[in-house]
């Protein structure tokens, strides 16, 4: 098994502009993925996302890499809080959006596992944990977007 990349494709019944906002802005991100998010959705912005509440929450550093509405949003995450995100200390998540019929095809990709320098057991565990996490959170996107749609 290759532990280098996680990829998924999801069709969302909404325009790319709507989907872009949902995957790029902290207010929307916190509705389907972390419990809270704090960053500006512009390249170079450094912030954090938090899973869980209060003192029990896990704070994870978050750095926006690219934001090209309504096509691409990418960020690096899980790097040490006292260090800037690099290829060797963080994972890269990219959302690529393209129109498809009346909606959007979202291509998700997370890379950078092998670049971390982890021992194979740690690499395998981290990869599996992320697969499990994304398999839980990504299916929440389309139902959340559907709550935003204005119907005549």
Protein backbone atom coordinates (compact mmCIF):
# COMPACT_ATOMS: atom_id res chain seq x y z
CA UNK A 1 0.00 0.00 0.00
CA UNK A 2 1.17 3.52 -0.81
CA UNK A 3 1.01 5.89 2.16
CA UNK A 4 1.66 9.07 0.23
CA UNK A 5 -1.63 10.54 -0.99
CA UNK A 6 -5.29 10.50 -0.05
CA UNK A 7 -7.65 11.40 -2.90
CA UNK A 8 -11.42 11.66 -3.11
CA UNK A 9 -13.94 13.13 -5.58
CA UNK A 10 -17.34 14.38 -4.52
CA UNK A 11 -20.16 15.81 -6.59
CA UNK A 12 -21.92 18.72 -4.85
CA UNK A 13 -25.20 20.13 -6.13
CA UNK A 14 -24.13 23.78 -5.97
CA UNK A 15 -22.14 26.28 -8.01
CA UNK A 16 -18.34 26.29 -7.62
CA UNK A 17 -18.56 29.74 -5.99
CA UNK A 18 -20.70 28.32 -3.17
CA UNK A 19 -18.53 25.24 -2.73
CA UNK A 20 -15.38 27.37 -2.72
CA UNK A 21 -16.77 29.45 0.17
CA UNK A 22 -17.64 26.28 2.10
CA UNK A 23 -14.14 24.80 1.81
CA UNK A 24 -12.22 28.05 2.24
CA UNK A 25 -13.85 30.27 4.89
CA UNK A 26 -13.49 29.59 8.61
CA UNK A 27 -17.21 30.08 9.30
CA UNK A 28 -18.21 27.38 6.83
CA UNK A 29 -15.26 25.06 7.47
CA UNK A 30 -16.25 24.85 11.14
CA UNK A 31 -19.68 23.56 10.13
CA UNK A 32 -18.42 20.36 8.52
CA UNK A 33 -14.83 19.71 9.67
CA UNK A 34 -13.19 21.23 12.80
CA UNK A 35 -15.10 22.62 15.75
CA UNK A 36 -13.52 26.06 15.30
CA UNK A 37 -11.33 27.69 12.68
CA UNK A 38 -9.34 30.91 12.81
CA UNK A 39 -7.51 32.19 9.72
CA UNK A 40 -7.99 34.50 6.74
CA UNK A 41 -8.73 32.65 3.46
CA UNK A 42 -5.81 34.30 1.63
CA UNK A 43 -2.41 32.87 0.69
CA UNK A 44 0.10 33.13 3.51
CA UNK A 45 -2.47 33.46 6.29
CA UNK A 46 -1.46 31.56 9.41
CA UNK A 47 -4.08 30.41 11.88
CA UNK A 48 -5.44 27.33 13.56
CA UNK A 49 -8.28 24.87 13.62
CA UNK A 50 -9.52 23.15 16.77
CA UNK A 51 -11.11 19.76 17.24
CA UNK A 52 -13.08 19.46 20.48
CA UNK A 53 -14.10 22.08 23.00
CA UNK A 54 -12.34 24.04 25.72
CA UNK A 55 -9.17 22.73 27.32
CA UNK A 56 -9.81 19.25 25.90
CA UNK A 57 -9.66 20.59 22.33
CA UNK A 58 -6.78 19.74 20.01
CA UNK A 59 -5.41 22.89 18.36
CA UNK A 60 -3.80 22.31 14.98
CA UNK A 61 -1.74 24.94 13.10
CA UNK A 62 -3.13 25.89 9.68
CA UNK A 63 -1.47 27.89 6.88
CA UNK A 64 -3.26 28.90 3.68
CA UNK A 65 -1.14 28.12 0.60
CA UNK A 66 -3.40 29.05 -2.29
CA UNK A 67 -6.85 30.58 -2.78
CA UNK A 68 -8.10 31.04 -6.34
CA UNK A 69 -11.89 31.53 -6.25
CA UNK A 70 -13.81 29.54 -7.33
CA UNK A 71 -11.26 26.94 -8.48
CA UNK A 72 -8.66 26.04 -5.85
CA UNK A 73 -8.12 26.27 -2.12
CA UNK A 74 -5.13 24.65 -0.43
CA UNK A 75 -3.54 24.72 2.98
CA UNK A 76 -0.81 23.12 5.04
CA UNK A 77 -1.65 21.80 8.47
CA UNK A 78 -0.38 19.78 11.41
CA UNK A 79 2.99 21.51 11.51
CA UNK A 80 4.63 22.46 14.84
CA UNK A 81 2.98 25.62 16.18
CA UNK A 82 6.34 27.35 16.62
CA UNK A 83 7.48 26.71 13.04
CA UNK A 84 6.31 27.90 9.63
CA UNK A 85 4.70 25.21 7.47
CA UNK A 86 7.09 23.49 5.05
CA UNK A 87 7.06 20.39 2.84
CA UNK A 88 8.87 18.41 5.53
CA UNK A 89 6.81 19.37 8.61
CA UNK A 90 3.20 19.60 7.41
CA UNK A 91 0.59 17.98 5.21
CA UNK A 92 -0.84 19.71 2.14
CA UNK A 93 -4.59 19.61 1.47
CA UNK A 94 -5.95 20.80 -1.87
CA UNK A 95 -9.54 21.27 -2.99
CA UNK A 96 -9.87 21.64 -6.75
CA UNK A 97 -13.33 22.59 -8.01
CA UNK A 98 -14.75 22.38 -11.48
CA UNK A 99 -18.26 22.90 -12.83
CA UNK A 100 -20.11 19.68 -13.56
CA UNK A 101 -23.65 19.86 -14.88
CA UNK A 102 -25.63 22.00 -12.46
CA UNK A 103 -23.12 21.49 -9.67
CA UNK A 104 -19.46 21.10 -8.80
CA UNK A 105 -17.03 18.22 -8.86
CA UNK A 106 -14.71 18.63 -5.89
CA UNK A 107 -11.36 16.84 -6.12
CA UNK A 108 -9.75 16.47 -2.70
CA UNK A 109 -6.11 15.57 -2.18
CA UNK A 110 -3.91 15.33 0.92
CA UNK A 111 -0.18 14.78 0.42
CA UNK A 112 3.06 15.00 2.35
CA UNK A 113 2.95 11.89 4.53
CA UNK A 114 6.23 10.44 3.23
CA UNK A 115 7.99 13.81 3.48
CA UNK A 116 7.58 13.89 7.27
CA UNK A 117 10.42 11.42 7.86
CA UNK A 118 8.31 9.25 10.15
CA UNK A 119 9.24 5.64 10.86
CA UNK A 120 7.08 3.26 8.80
CA UNK A 121 4.78 2.35 11.73
CA UNK A 122 4.10 6.03 12.47
CA UNK A 123 3.62 6.78 8.75
CA UNK A 124 1.09 3.94 8.41
CA UNK A 125 -0.82 5.01 11.52
CA UNK A 126 -0.93 8.69 10.54
CA UNK A 127 -2.06 7.79 7.04
CA UNK A 128 -4.81 5.47 8.32
CA UNK A 129 -5.96 8.09 10.85
CA UNK A 130 -6.28 10.69 8.09
CA UNK A 131 -8.09 8.30 5.75
CA UNK A 132 -10.57 7.55 8.56
CA UNK A 133 -10.95 11.25 9.36
CA UNK A 134 -11.52 12.37 5.77
CA UNK A 135 -13.89 9.44 5.18
CA UNK A 136 -15.93 10.82 8.07
CA UNK A 137 -15.76 14.55 7.32
CA UNK A 138 -15.83 14.85 3.51
CA UNK A 139 -19.28 13.20 3.18
CA UNK A 140 -20.59 16.02 5.40
CA UNK A 141 -19.83 18.63 2.72
CA UNK A 142 -22.73 18.07 0.30
CA UNK A 143 -25.43 17.90 3.01
CA UNK A 144 -24.05 21.08 4.60
CA UNK A 145 -23.99 22.90 1.24
CA UNK A 146 -27.59 21.79 0.67
CA UNK A 147 -28.62 23.70 3.83
CA UNK A 148 -27.26 26.89 2.24
CA UNK A 149 -29.16 26.63 -1.02
CA UNK A 150 -31.92 29.15 -1.51
CA UNK A 151 -34.92 27.47 -3.10
CA UNK A 152 -37.63 29.50 -4.92
